[in-house]
Amino acid sequence: MGVLNKLQEYLDQNRTTYRHTVHPTAYTAREVAAAEHVPACGIAKTVVFLSENGYGMAVLCADSVVDLEQLRLSLGLSRLRLATEAELGELFPQCELGAMPPFGNLYNLPVYVDSRLSTQEEIAFNAGSHKDVIHVRFRDYERLVNPAIMPFARHATTAKSS
């Protein structure tokens, strides 16, 4: 069963209202926001990290970046780094690289949500591919995933290239 089908089945079993949309291929969370015509903070970006306690998911707004030092300190860890592409491929073999949904509970991973994302009424996120997106109310996502909510992201500045 594909990631999208698994996710939809999980949402249906938990009586969760959601919307599935398909857009042209978009690789970055900001591109997804543009393709979906939603504000960047309405897109939940999934970042996977590795610490001495194993892998975890940090979920944040598309227009933000993870402050790894802040996350490490907040979690009381001595080491924390981003997962490599090879590790992501092993952890999420049915997902296109970088398109894993923010449902760590389906992968036995703890989930940490940045507090700014938790203020959104609705969030949208990749559903295993760079074309499929699921839209769901944040409170339903929180009910299903039970993430720890804490501040660990900072707003990304848009660098202009010449």
C-alpha atoms as a PDB file:
ATOM      1  CA  MET A   1       0.000   0.000   0.000  1.00  0.00           C
ATOM      2  CA  GLY A   2       1.358   3.417  -0.948  1.00  0.00           C
ATOM      3  CA  VAL A   3       1.951   6.186   1.572  1.00  0.00           C
ATOM      4  CA  LEU A   4      -0.993   8.246   0.333  1.00  0.00           C
ATOM      5  CA  ASN A   5      -3.387   5.290   0.656  1.00  0.00           C
ATOM      6  CA  LYS A   6      -2.007   4.356   4.079  1.00  0.00           C
ATOM      7  CA  LEU A   7      -2.424   7.935   5.264  1.00  0.00           C
ATOM      8  CA  GLN A   8      -5.952   8.247   3.877  1.00  0.00           C
ATOM      9  CA  GLU A   9      -6.928   4.943   5.472  1.00  0.00           C
ATOM     10  CA  TYR A  10      -5.531   6.131   8.820  1.00  0.00           C
ATOM     11  CA  LEU A  11      -7.434   9.430   8.572  1.00  0.00           C
ATOM     12  CA  ASP A  12     -10.649   7.647   7.574  1.00  0.00           C
ATOM     13  CA  GLN A  13     -10.343   5.109  10.418  1.00  0.00           C
ATOM     14  CA  ASN A  14      -9.961   8.002  12.843  1.00  0.00           C
ATOM     15  CA  ARG A  15     -12.954   9.847  11.382  1.00  0.00           C
ATOM     16  CA  THR A  16     -10.864  12.822  10.342  1.00  0.00           C
ATOM     17  CA  THR A  17     -12.042  15.316   7.755  1.00  0.00           C
ATOM     18  CA  TYR A  18      -9.333  16.013   5.197  1.00  0.00           C
ATOM     19  CA  ARG A  19      -8.864  17.066   1.607  1.00  0.00           C
ATOM     20  CA  HIS A  20      -6.445  15.485  -0.883  1.00  0.00           C
ATOM     21  CA  THR A  21      -5.110  17.687  -3.673  1.00  0.00           C
ATOM     22  CA  VAL A  22      -2.664  17.067  -6.493  1.00  0.00           C
ATOM     23  CA  HIS A  23      -0.454  19.769  -7.990  1.00  0.00           C
ATOM     24  CA  PRO A  24       2.461  19.903 -10.447  1.00  0.00           C
ATOM     25  CA  THR A  25       5.729  18.578  -9.028  1.00  0.00           C
ATOM     26  CA  ALA A  26       7.067  20.826  -6.261  1.00  0.00           C
ATOM     27  CA  TYR A  27      10.210  19.933  -4.335  1.00  0.00           C
ATOM     28  CA  THR A  28      10.440  22.561  -1.617  1.00  0.00           C
ATOM     29  CA  ALA A  29       7.833  23.379   1.003  1.00  0.00           C
ATOM     30  CA  ARG A  30       7.629  26.931  -0.342  1.00  0.00           C
ATOM     31  CA  GLU A  31       6.972  25.577  -3.847  1.00  0.00           C
ATOM     32  CA  VAL A  32       4.195  23.405  -2.379  1.00  0.00           C
ATOM     33  CA  ALA A  33       2.683  26.488  -0.712  1.00  0.00           C
ATOM     34  CA  ALA A  34       2.690  28.339  -4.044  1.00  0.00           C
ATOM     35  CA  ALA A  35       1.246  25.356  -5.934  1.00  0.00           C
ATOM     36  CA  GLU A  36      -1.472  24.896  -3.302  1.00  0.00           C
ATOM     37  CA  HIS A  37      -2.203  28.641  -3.055  1.00  0.00           C
ATOM     38  CA  VAL A  38      -1.830  28.656   0.729  1.00  0.00           C
ATOM     39  CA  PRO A  39       0.364  30.799   3.000  1.00  0.00           C
ATOM     40  CA  ALA A  40       3.806  29.309   3.652  1.00  0.00           C
ATOM     41  CA  CYS A  41       2.993  28.836   7.334  1.00  0.00           C
ATOM     42  CA  GLY A  42       0.058  26.669   6.312  1.00  0.00           C
ATOM     43  CA  ILE A  43       2.433  24.064   4.875  1.00  0.00           C
ATOM     44  CA  ALA A  44       3.873  21.661   7.438  1.00  0.00           C
ATOM     45  CA  LYS A  45       7.465  20.854   6.498  1.00  0.00           C
ATOM     46  CA  THR A  46       8.916  17.628   7.909  1.00  0.00           C
ATOM     47  CA  VAL A  47      12.573  17.578   8.946  1.00  0.00           C
ATOM     48  CA  VAL A  48      14.074  14.344  10.266  1.00  0.00           C
ATOM     49  CA  PHE A  49      16.948  14.413  12.722  1.00  0.00           C
ATOM     50  CA  LEU A  50      19.152  11.918  14.534  1.00  0.00           C
ATOM     51  CA  SER A  51      20.280  12.193  18.149  1.00  0.00           C
ATOM     52  CA  GLU A  52      21.662   9.833  20.774  1.00  0.00           C
ATOM     53  CA  ASN A  53      18.017   8.792  21.346  1.00  0.00           C
ATOM     54  CA  GLY A  54      17.446   7.854  17.700  1.00  0.00           C
ATOM     55  CA  TYR A  55      15.510   9.532  14.915  1.00  0.00           C
ATOM     56  CA  GLY A  56      12.787  12.131  15.376  1.00  0.00           C
ATOM     57  CA  MET A  57      10.593  14.427  13.285  1.00  0.00           C
ATOM     58  CA  ALA A  58      10.598  18.182  13.572  1.00  0.00           C
ATOM     59  CA  VAL A  59       7.548  19.728  11.891  1.00  0.00           C
ATOM     60  CA  LEU A  60       7.482  23.442  11.106  1.00  0.00           C
ATOM     61  CA  CYS A  61       6.123  26.102   8.768  1.00  0.00           C
ATOM     62  CA  ALA A  62       7.440  26.113   5.202  1.00  0.00           C
ATOM     63  CA  ASP A  63       8.863  29.614   5.659  1.00  0.00           C
ATOM     64  CA  SER A  64      10.945  28.586   8.683  1.00  0.00           C
ATOM     65  CA  VAL A  65      14.134  26.668   9.353  1.00  0.00           C
ATOM     66  CA  VAL A  66      14.942  24.396  12.279  1.00  0.00           C
ATOM     67  CA  ASP A  67      17.238  25.946  14.838  1.00  0.00           C
ATOM     68  CA  LEU A  68      19.092  22.699  15.563  1.00  0.00           C
ATOM     69  CA  GLU A  69      20.803  24.108  18.651  1.00  0.00           C
ATOM     70  CA  GLN A  70      17.480  25.271  20.111  1.00  0.00           C
ATOM     71  CA  LEU A  71      15.873  21.906  19.366  1.00  0.00           C
ATOM     72  CA  ARG A  72      18.821  20.042  20.908  1.00  0.00           C
ATOM     73  CA  LEU A  73      18.671  22.169  24.063  1.00  0.00           C
ATOM     74  CA  SER A  74      14.876  21.919  24.334  1.00  0.00           C
ATOM     75  CA  LEU A  75      15.068  18.136  24.147  1.00  0.00           C
ATOM     76  CA  GLY A  76      17.991  17.914  26.571  1.00  0.00           C
ATOM     77  CA  LEU A  77      20.197  16.139  24.053  1.00  0.00           C
ATOM     78  CA  SER A  78      23.967  16.174  23.762  1.00  0.00           C
ATOM     79  CA  ARG A  79      24.038  15.536  19.986  1.00  0.00           C
ATOM     80  CA  LEU A  80      21.620  16.263  17.170  1.00  0.00           C
ATOM     81  CA  ARG A  81      22.063  16.368  13.402  1.00  0.00           C
ATOM     82  CA  LEU A  82      19.898  16.242  10.316  1.00  0.00           C
ATOM     83  CA  ALA A  83      19.266  12.817   8.820  1.00  0.00           C
ATOM     84  CA  THR A  84      21.106  12.142   5.571  1.00  0.00           C
ATOM     85  CA  GLU A  85      19.365  11.404   2.277  1.00  0.00           C
ATOM     86  CA  ALA A  86      20.459   7.773   2.577  1.00  0.00           C
ATOM     87  CA  GLU A  87      18.934   7.544   6.063  1.00  0.00           C
ATOM     88  CA  LEU A  88      15.697   9.119   4.820  1.00  0.00           C
ATOM     89  CA  GLY A  89      15.562   6.539   2.043  1.00  0.00           C
ATOM     90  CA  GLU A  90      15.884   3.750   4.601  1.00  0.00           C
ATOM     91  CA  LEU A  91      13.361   5.242   7.047  1.00  0.00           C
ATOM     92  CA  PHE A  92      10.743   6.104   4.413  1.00  0.00           C
ATOM     93  CA  PRO A  93      11.273   3.664   1.517  1.00  0.00           C
ATOM     94  CA  GLN A  94       7.788   4.233   0.071  1.00  0.00           C
ATOM     95  CA  CYS A  95       8.164   8.040   0.031  1.00  0.00           C
ATOM     96  CA  GLU A  96       9.816  10.196  -2.550  1.00  0.00           C
ATOM     97  CA  LEU A  97      12.898  11.759  -0.970  1.00  0.00           C
ATOM     98  CA  GLY A  98      11.810  14.697   1.177  1.00  0.00           C
ATOM     99  CA  ALA A  99       8.070  14.072   0.785  1.00  0.00           C
ATOM    100  CA  MET A 100       7.368  12.141   3.979  1.00  0.00           C
ATOM    101  CA  PRO A 101       4.191  13.128   5.831  1.00  0.00           C
ATOM    102  CA  PRO A 102       4.548  14.552   9.371  1.00  0.00           C
ATOM    103  CA  PHE A 103       3.024  11.443  10.943  1.00  0.00           C
ATOM    104  CA  GLY A 104       5.960  10.061  12.906  1.00  0.00           C
ATOM    105  CA  ASN A 105       3.523   7.890  14.850  1.00  0.00           C
ATOM    106  CA  LEU A 106       3.081   5.801  11.680  1.00  0.00           C
ATOM    107  CA  TYR A 107       6.857   5.267  11.573  1.00  0.00           C
ATOM    108  CA  ASN A 108       7.505   4.867  15.320  1.00  0.00           C
ATOM    109  CA  LEU A 109       9.224   8.262  15.487  1.00  0.00           C
ATOM    110  CA  PRO A 110       8.615  10.992  18.066  1.00  0.00           C
ATOM    111  CA  VAL A 111       7.195  14.197  16.591  1.00  0.00           C
ATOM    112  CA  TYR A 112       7.995  17.766  17.654  1.00  0.00           C
ATOM    113  CA  VAL A 113       5.941  20.624  16.237  1.00  0.00           C
ATOM    114  CA  ASP A 114       7.157  24.199  16.238  1.00  0.00           C
ATOM    115  CA  SER A 115       4.795  26.389  18.228  1.00  0.00           C
ATOM    116  CA  ARG A 116       4.217  28.765  15.280  1.00  0.00           C
ATOM    117  CA  LEU A 117       2.760  25.938  13.172  1.00  0.00           C
ATOM    118  CA  SER A 118       0.433  24.998  16.036  1.00  0.00           C
ATOM    119  CA  THR A 119      -1.346  28.352  15.676  1.00  0.00           C
ATOM    120  CA  GLN A 120      -2.619  27.482  12.200  1.00  0.00           C
ATOM    121  CA  GLU A 121      -6.271  26.552  11.745  1.00  0.00           C
ATOM    122  CA  GLU A 122      -5.449  24.180   8.884  1.00  0.00           C
ATOM    123  CA  ILE A 123      -2.197  22.652   7.702  1.00  0.00           C
ATOM    124  CA  ALA A 124      -1.226  20.910   4.492  1.00  0.00           C
ATOM    125  CA  PHE A 125       1.649  18.518   3.927  1.00  0.00           C
ATOM    126  CA  ASN A 126       3.242  16.150   1.434  1.00  0.00           C
ATOM    127  CA  ALA A 127       1.679  12.717   1.383  1.00  0.00           C
ATOM    128  CA  GLY A 128       4.590  10.618   0.152  1.00  0.00           C
ATOM    129  CA  SER A 129       5.127  12.338  -3.192  1.00  0.00           C
ATOM    130  CA  HIS A 130       6.026  15.773  -4.517  1.00  0.00           C
ATOM    131  CA  LYS A 131       2.533  16.078  -6.039  1.00  0.00           C
ATOM    132  CA  ASP A 132       0.097  14.754  -3.406  1.00  0.00           C
ATOM    133  CA  VAL A 133      -0.935  16.973  -0.499  1.00  0.00           C
ATOM    134  CA  ILE A 134      -3.293  16.389   2.401  1.00  0.00           C
ATOM    135  CA  HIS A 135      -5.083  19.321   4.069  1.00  0.00           C
ATOM    136  CA  VAL A 136      -6.333  18.811   7.625  1.00  0.00           C
ATOM    137  CA  ARG A 137      -7.262  20.951  10.629  1.00  0.00           C
ATOM    138  CA  PHE A 138      -4.307  21.333  12.976  1.00  0.00           C
ATOM    139  CA  ARG A 139      -6.367  20.232  15.970  1.00  0.00           C
ATOM    140  CA  ASP A 140      -7.156  16.939  14.180  1.00  0.00           C
ATOM    141  CA  TYR A 141      -3.488  16.453  13.316  1.00  0.00           C
ATOM    142  CA  GLU A 142      -2.581  17.124  16.943  1.00  0.00           C
ATOM    143  CA  ARG A 143      -5.186  14.631  18.150  1.00  0.00           C
ATOM    144  CA  LEU A 144      -3.871  11.895  15.840  1.00  0.00           C
ATOM    145  CA  VAL A 145      -0.113  12.446  16.220  1.00  0.00           C
ATOM    146  CA  ASN A 146       0.092  13.839  19.765  1.00  0.00           C
ATOM    147  CA  PRO A 147       3.277  15.812  19.054  1.00  0.00           C
ATOM    148  CA  ALA A 148       5.289  17.770  21.604  1.00  0.00           C
ATOM    149  CA  ILE A 149       4.805  21.461  20.796  1.00  0.00           C
ATOM    150  CA  MET A 150       7.717  23.804  21.451  1.00  0.00           C
ATOM    151  CA  PRO A 151       9.562  26.703  19.819  1.00  0.00           C
ATOM    152  CA  PHE A 152      12.547  25.501  17.769  1.00  0.00           C
ATOM    153  CA  ALA A 153      12.285  27.248  14.407  1.00  0.00           C
ATOM    154  CA  ARG A 154      13.190  30.647  13.127  1.00  0.00           C
ATOM    155  CA  HIS A 155      11.695  32.487  10.205  1.00  0.00           C
ATOM    156  CA  ALA A 156      13.846  31.969   7.117  1.00  0.00           C
ATOM    157  CA  THR A 157      15.114  35.026   5.344  1.00  0.00           C
ATOM    158  CA  THR A 158      14.705  34.947   1.614  1.00  0.00           C
ATOM    159  CA  ALA A 159      18.122  35.348   0.058  1.00  0.00           C
ATOM    160  CA  LYS A 160      18.120  36.978  -3.347  1.00  0.00           C
ATOM    161  CA  SER A 161      20.510  35.503  -5.834  1.00  0.00           C
ATOM    162  CA  SER A 162      22.130  37.619  -8.494  1.00  0.00           C
END
